[in-house]
C-alpha atoms as a PDB file:
ATOM      1  CA  MET A   1       0.159  -0.085   0.087  1.00  0.00           C
ATOM      2  CA  SER A   2       1.488   3.707  -0.848  1.00  0.00           C
ATOM      3  CA  PRO A   3       1.732   6.547   1.730  1.00  0.00           C
ATOM      4  CA  ASN A   4      -1.184   8.135   0.250  1.00  0.00           C
ATOM      5  CA  ALA A   5      -3.523   5.299   0.002  1.00  0.00           C
ATOM      6  CA  ILE A   6      -2.327   4.668   3.868  1.00  0.00           C
ATOM      7  CA  ILE A   7      -2.920   8.647   4.835  1.00  0.00           C
ATOM      8  CA  ALA A   8      -6.370   8.352   2.667  1.00  0.00           C
ATOM      9  CA  ALA A   9      -7.651   5.443   4.550  1.00  0.00           C
ATOM     10  CA  ALA A  10      -6.388   6.665   8.179  1.00  0.00           C
ATOM     11  CA  ILE A  11      -8.196  10.321   7.377  1.00  0.00           C
ATOM     12  CA  SER A  12     -11.319   9.119   6.096  1.00  0.00           C
ATOM     13  CA  ARG A  13     -11.119   6.381   9.147  1.00  0.00           C
ATOM     14  CA  GLU A  14     -10.529   9.102  11.963  1.00  0.00           C
ATOM     15  CA  ARG A  15     -12.681  11.304  10.566  1.00  0.00           C
ATOM     16  CA  SER A  16     -15.730   8.682  10.577  1.00  0.00           C
ATOM     17  CA  GLN A  17     -14.497   7.737  14.050  1.00  0.00           C
ATOM     18  CA  ALA A  18     -15.146  11.569  15.278  1.00  0.00           C
ATOM     19  CA  GLN A  19     -18.554  11.623  13.794  1.00  0.00           C
ATOM     20  CA  LEU A  20     -17.342  14.229  11.499  1.00  0.00           C
ATOM     21  CA  SER A  21     -18.296  15.617   7.989  1.00  0.00           C
ATOM     22  CA  LEU A  22     -15.572  16.145   5.451  1.00  0.00           C
ATOM     23  CA  SER A  23     -16.649  20.438   5.697  1.00  0.00           C
ATOM     24  CA  ALA A  24     -16.258  20.118   9.047  1.00  0.00           C
ATOM     25  CA  LEU A  25     -13.194  18.372   9.571  1.00  0.00           C
ATOM     26  CA  ALA A  26     -11.505  20.361   6.790  1.00  0.00           C
ATOM     27  CA  THR A  27     -13.027  23.596   8.712  1.00  0.00           C
ATOM     28  CA  LYS A  28     -11.434  22.721  12.099  1.00  0.00           C
ATOM     29  CA  ALA A  29      -8.246  21.608  10.598  1.00  0.00           C
ATOM     30  CA  GLY A  30      -8.425  25.457   8.459  1.00  0.00           C
ATOM     31  CA  LEU A  31      -7.820  23.796   5.216  1.00  0.00           C
ATOM     32  CA  ALA A  32     -10.038  23.862   1.729  1.00  0.00           C
ATOM     33  CA  LYS A  33     -12.630  21.045   1.689  1.00  0.00           C
ATOM     34  CA  SER A  34     -11.114  20.309  -1.686  1.00  0.00           C
ATOM     35  CA  THR A  35      -7.532  19.715  -0.161  1.00  0.00           C
ATOM     36  CA  LEU A  36      -9.371  17.664   2.076  1.00  0.00           C
ATOM     37  CA  SER A  37     -10.964  15.320  -0.239  1.00  0.00           C
ATOM     38  CA  GLN A  38      -7.859  14.720  -2.506  1.00  0.00           C
ATOM     39  CA  LEU A  39      -6.233  13.212   0.528  1.00  0.00           C
ATOM     40  CA  GLU A  40      -8.675  11.285   1.458  1.00  0.00           C
ATOM     41  CA  ALA A  41      -9.080  10.222  -2.382  1.00  0.00           C
ATOM     42  CA  GLY A  42      -5.137   9.645  -2.286  1.00  0.00           C
ATOM     43  CA  LYS A  43      -4.254  12.206  -4.107  1.00  0.00           C
ATOM     44  CA  GLY A  44      -2.196  15.175  -3.511  1.00  0.00           C
ATOM     45  CA  ASN A  45       1.267  15.387  -1.710  1.00  0.00           C
ATOM     46  CA  PRO A  46       0.458  16.642   2.188  1.00  0.00           C
ATOM     47  CA  ASN A  47       3.016  17.993   4.016  1.00  0.00           C
ATOM     48  CA  VAL A  48       3.989  17.722   7.398  1.00  0.00           C
ATOM     49  CA  GLU A  49       1.806  21.315   8.384  1.00  0.00           C
ATOM     50  CA  THR A  50      -1.612  19.734   6.537  1.00  0.00           C
ATOM     51  CA  LEU A  51      -1.061  16.586   8.199  1.00  0.00           C
ATOM     52  CA  TRP A  52      -0.346  17.719  11.918  1.00  0.00           C
ATOM     53  CA  ALA A  53      -3.197  20.226  11.188  1.00  0.00           C
ATOM     54  CA  ILE A  54      -5.855  17.224  10.140  1.00  0.00           C
ATOM     55  CA  ALA A  55      -4.284  15.020  13.266  1.00  0.00           C
ATOM     56  CA  ASN A  56      -4.349  18.107  15.850  1.00  0.00           C
ATOM     57  CA  ALA A  57      -8.666  18.749  14.609  1.00  0.00           C
ATOM     58  CA  LEU A  58      -8.763  15.177  14.986  1.00  0.00           C
ATOM     59  CA  GLY A  59      -7.263  15.416  18.561  1.00  0.00           C
ATOM     60  CA  ILE A  60      -5.158  11.926  17.776  1.00  0.00           C
ATOM     61  CA  PRO A  61      -1.226  11.414  17.511  1.00  0.00           C
ATOM     62  CA  PHE A  62       0.157  12.411  14.391  1.00  0.00           C
ATOM     63  CA  SER A  63       1.317   8.527  13.807  1.00  0.00           C
ATOM     64  CA  SER A  64      -2.323   7.225  13.572  1.00  0.00           C
ATOM     65  CA  LEU A  65      -2.490   8.671  10.371  1.00  0.00           C
ATOM     66  CA  PHE A  66       0.153   5.968   9.029  1.00  0.00           C
ATOM     67  CA  GLU A  67       0.085   1.997   9.197  1.00  0.00           C
ATOM     68  CA  THR A  68       0.696   0.321  11.967  1.00  0.00           C
ATOM     69  CA  ALA A  69       3.982  -1.536  12.673  1.00  0.00           C
ATOM     70  CA  SER A  70       3.410  -5.655  11.279  1.00  0.00           C
ATOM     71  CA  SER A  71       6.131  -7.092  13.430  1.00  0.00           C
ATOM     72  CA  TYR A  72       7.623  -6.895  16.614  1.00  0.00           C
ATOM     73  CA  SER A  73      11.629  -6.031  15.427  1.00  0.00           C
ATOM     74  CA  ALA A  74      11.896  -3.294  12.988  1.00  0.00           C
ATOM     75  CA  LEU A  75      15.224  -2.032  11.499  1.00  0.00           C
ATOM     76  CA  ILE A  76      14.978   1.445   9.746  1.00  0.00           C
ATOM     77  CA  ARG A  77      18.356   2.292   8.679  1.00  0.00           C
ATOM     78  CA  SER A  78      19.836   6.110   8.717  1.00  0.00           C
ATOM     79  CA  THR A  79      18.884   6.397   4.908  1.00  0.00           C
ATOM     80  CA  GLU A  80      15.867   4.402   4.915  1.00  0.00           C
ATOM     81  CA  GLY A  81      11.952   5.666   5.931  1.00  0.00           C
ATOM     82  CA  VAL A  82       9.690   7.802   4.233  1.00  0.00           C
ATOM     83  CA  SER A  83      10.303  10.910   4.998  1.00  0.00           C
ATOM     84  CA  LEU A  84       7.726  14.305   5.271  1.00  0.00           C
ATOM     85  CA  ALA A  85       9.475  17.677   4.701  1.00  0.00           C
ATOM     86  CA  ALA A  86       7.710  21.250   6.056  1.00  0.00           C
ATOM     87  CA  GLU A  87       6.712  23.676   3.787  1.00  0.00           C
ATOM     88  CA  GLU A  88       7.603  26.632   5.685  1.00  0.00           C
ATOM     89  CA  SER A  89      10.597  25.990   6.728  1.00  0.00           C
ATOM     90  CA  ASP A  90      13.861  23.535   6.314  1.00  0.00           C
ATOM     91  CA  PHE A  91      12.516  20.439   8.709  1.00  0.00           C
ATOM     92  CA  ALA A  92      12.156  16.545   7.579  1.00  0.00           C
ATOM     93  CA  THR A  93      11.072  14.045   9.641  1.00  0.00           C
ATOM     94  CA  VAL A  94      10.845  10.482   9.616  1.00  0.00           C
ATOM     95  CA  LEU A  95       8.430   8.244  11.750  1.00  0.00           C
ATOM     96  CA  LEU A  96      10.241   5.595  13.162  1.00  0.00           C
ATOM     97  CA  ASP A  97       7.737   3.717  15.069  1.00  0.00           C
ATOM     98  CA  LYS A  98       4.197   4.197  15.793  1.00  0.00           C
ATOM     99  CA  SER A  99       2.430   3.773  19.105  1.00  0.00           C
ATOM    100  CA  PRO A 100       1.033   0.468  19.579  1.00  0.00           C
ATOM    101  CA  PRO A 101      -2.841   0.394  20.732  1.00  0.00           C
ATOM    102  CA  ASP A 102      -2.534   0.289  24.372  1.00  0.00           C
ATOM    103  CA  ARG A 103       0.005   3.665  24.595  1.00  0.00           C
ATOM    104  CA  ARG A 104       0.179   7.105  22.635  1.00  0.00           C
ATOM    105  CA  ARG A 105       4.216   6.912  21.605  1.00  0.00           C
ATOM    106  CA  ASP A 106       5.750   7.884  18.519  1.00  0.00           C
ATOM    107  CA  LEU A 107       9.051   7.888  18.077  1.00  0.00           C
ATOM    108  CA  TYR A 108      10.961  10.030  15.024  1.00  0.00           C
ATOM    109  CA  ARG A 109      14.235  11.353  13.573  1.00  0.00           C
ATOM    110  CA  VAL A 110      14.359  14.439  13.013  1.00  0.00           C
ATOM    111  CA  VAL A 111      16.670  16.384  10.833  1.00  0.00           C
ATOM    112  CA  LEU A 112      17.011  20.522  10.959  1.00  0.00           C
ATOM    113  CA  ARG A 113      19.157  22.453   8.607  1.00  0.00           C
ATOM    114  CA  PRO A 114      19.877  26.097   9.531  1.00  0.00           C
ATOM    115  CA  GLY A 115      18.194  29.019   8.276  1.00  0.00           C
ATOM    116  CA  SER A 116      14.786  28.642   9.417  1.00  0.00           C
ATOM    117  CA  ALA A 117      12.578  27.527  12.607  1.00  0.00           C
ATOM    118  CA  ARG A 118      10.120  24.920  12.142  1.00  0.00           C
ATOM    119  CA  GLN A 119       7.011  26.194  14.686  1.00  0.00           C
ATOM    120  CA  SER A 120       4.257  23.909  15.799  1.00  0.00           C
ATOM    121  CA  LYS A 121       1.106  24.582  16.790  1.00  0.00           C
ATOM    122  CA  ALA A 122       0.342  23.181  20.172  1.00  0.00           C
ATOM    123  CA  HIS A 123      -0.563  18.982  19.819  1.00  0.00           C
ATOM    124  CA  PRO A 124      -3.568  17.917  21.542  1.00  0.00           C
ATOM    125  CA  LEU A 125      -3.771  17.990  25.443  1.00  0.00           C
ATOM    126  CA  GLY A 126      -1.436  16.266  27.205  1.00  0.00           C
ATOM    127  CA  MET A 127       1.226  15.530  24.986  1.00  0.00           C
ATOM    128  CA  VAL A 128       4.672  15.677  26.028  1.00  0.00           C
ATOM    129  CA  GLU A 129       7.572  15.694  23.584  1.00  0.00           C
ATOM    130  CA  HIS A 130      11.476  14.256  24.309  1.00  0.00           C
ATOM    131  CA  ALA A 131      14.307  15.601  22.776  1.00  0.00           C
ATOM    132  CA  PHE A 132      17.457  13.863  22.437  1.00  0.00           C
ATOM    133  CA  LEU A 133      20.185  15.460  20.102  1.00  0.00           C
ATOM    134  CA  CYS A 134      22.038  13.073  18.266  1.00  0.00           C
ATOM    135  CA  SER A 135      24.306  15.223  16.310  1.00  0.00           C
ATOM    136  CA  GLY A 136      24.802  19.393  15.589  1.00  0.00           C
ATOM    137  CA  MET A 137      22.979  21.833  18.152  1.00  0.00           C
ATOM    138  CA  ALA A 138      19.244  22.806  18.303  1.00  0.00           C
ATOM    139  CA  ARG A 139      17.091  25.559  19.654  1.00  0.00           C
ATOM    140  CA  LEU A 140      14.005  23.901  20.566  1.00  0.00           C
ATOM    141  CA  GLY A 141      11.136  23.902  23.091  1.00  0.00           C
ATOM    142  CA  PRO A 142       7.923  25.489  24.241  1.00  0.00           C
ATOM    143  CA  ILE A 143       7.947  29.521  22.780  1.00  0.00           C
ATOM    144  CA  ASP A 144       8.838  31.079  25.816  1.00  0.00           C
ATOM    145  CA  ALA A 145      10.956  28.614  26.695  1.00  0.00           C
ATOM    146  CA  VAL A 146      13.301  28.167  23.891  1.00  0.00           C
ATOM    147  CA  THR A 147      16.234  26.146  25.088  1.00  0.00           C
ATOM    148  CA  GLU A 148      19.905  25.551  23.029  1.00  0.00           C
ATOM    149  CA  ILE A 149      20.622  21.899  23.536  1.00  0.00           C
ATOM    150  CA  ARG A 150      24.124  19.694  22.330  1.00  0.00           C
ATOM    151  CA  PRO A 151      24.703  16.490  21.280  1.00  0.00           C
ATOM    152  CA  GLY A 152      23.516  13.943  23.845  1.00  0.00           C
ATOM    153  CA  ASP A 153      21.522  16.333  25.653  1.00  0.00           C
ATOM    154  CA  TYR A 154      17.701  15.767  26.271  1.00  0.00           C
ATOM    155  CA  TYR A 155      14.908  18.031  26.434  1.00  0.00           C
ATOM    156  CA  ARG A 156      11.260  17.152  28.276  1.00  0.00           C
ATOM    157  CA  TYR A 157       8.603  19.712  27.432  1.00  0.00           C
ATOM    158  CA  PRO A 158       5.131  20.251  26.945  1.00  0.00           C
ATOM    159  CA  GLY A 159       4.073  19.345  23.487  1.00  0.00           C
ATOM    160  CA  ASP A 160       0.589  20.878  23.986  1.00  0.00           C
ATOM    161  CA  VAL A 161       1.224  24.159  23.774  1.00  0.00           C
ATOM    162  CA  ALA A 162       3.179  26.165  20.523  1.00  0.00           C
ATOM    163  CA  HIS A 163       6.826  25.271  20.496  1.00  0.00           C
ATOM    164  CA  SER A 164       9.580  25.310  17.783  1.00  0.00           C
ATOM    165  CA  TYR A 165      12.647  23.531  16.479  1.00  0.00           C
ATOM    166  CA  GLU A 166      15.757  25.391  14.888  1.00  0.00           C
ATOM    167  CA  ALA A 167      19.197  24.108  13.716  1.00  0.00           C
ATOM    168  CA  VAL A 168      22.404  26.036  15.192  1.00  0.00           C
ATOM    169  CA  ASP A 169      25.240  26.345  13.126  1.00  0.00           C
ATOM    170  CA  GLY A 170      24.488  23.606  10.644  1.00  0.00           C
ATOM    171  CA  GLU A 171      22.163  20.551  10.180  1.00  0.00           C
ATOM    172  CA  ALA A 172      21.179  19.035  13.606  1.00  0.00           C
ATOM    173  CA  GLN A 173      19.765  15.595  13.919  1.00  0.00           C
ATOM    174  CA  LEU A 174      17.315  14.489  17.122  1.00  0.00           C
ATOM    175  CA  LEU A 175      15.529  11.927  18.208  1.00  0.00           C
ATOM    176  CA  LEU A 176      11.910  13.142  18.834  1.00  0.00           C
ATOM    177  CA  VAL A 177       9.613  10.723  21.148  1.00  0.00           C
ATOM    178  CA  MET A 178       5.970  12.109  21.593  1.00  0.00           C
ATOM    179  CA  ASP A 179       4.048  10.814  24.063  1.00  0.00           C
ATOM    180  CA  SER A 180       0.241  11.579  25.717  1.00  0.00           C
ATOM    181  CA  PRO A 181      -1.916   9.811  28.494  1.00  0.00           C
ATOM    182  CA  ARG A 182      -4.703   7.424  26.949  1.00  0.00           C
END
């Protein structure tokens, strides 16, 4: 199944579970109804901002828009995985592990490039982000508590408030865990 088909099925499934019409979800996510319709049809090329807006409007983790893991063991090499790029900044992320049904936790490899900060709106209530910097230097965290971190540093902060990610002096790579109460 292609990534667009997986995303299309997930949006349709989650919208139905939330008992929202196409128009209602589009309005709640701040998207054109035609854009949402195309995504549900498996057409179009969604960016990170669009998918986050849909997930936030549905009150679900971002990873719910992707296929669940099919086996207990998984290996994703550093050059592998489906990368999603942001439109508003030089930011790319790869979903490494989706939360199992009994938990709410997602694991991402994030590549930040210098030149523009990635601004993120608040995620669902109770969401916490755990960032571990692997390489480079980065500034990240809630808008009112952005902190500079270096390789090996770990920073936990609320993800249910507006926050940002930014590379400092070259590319930075971090491991990002997002978790929330069930």
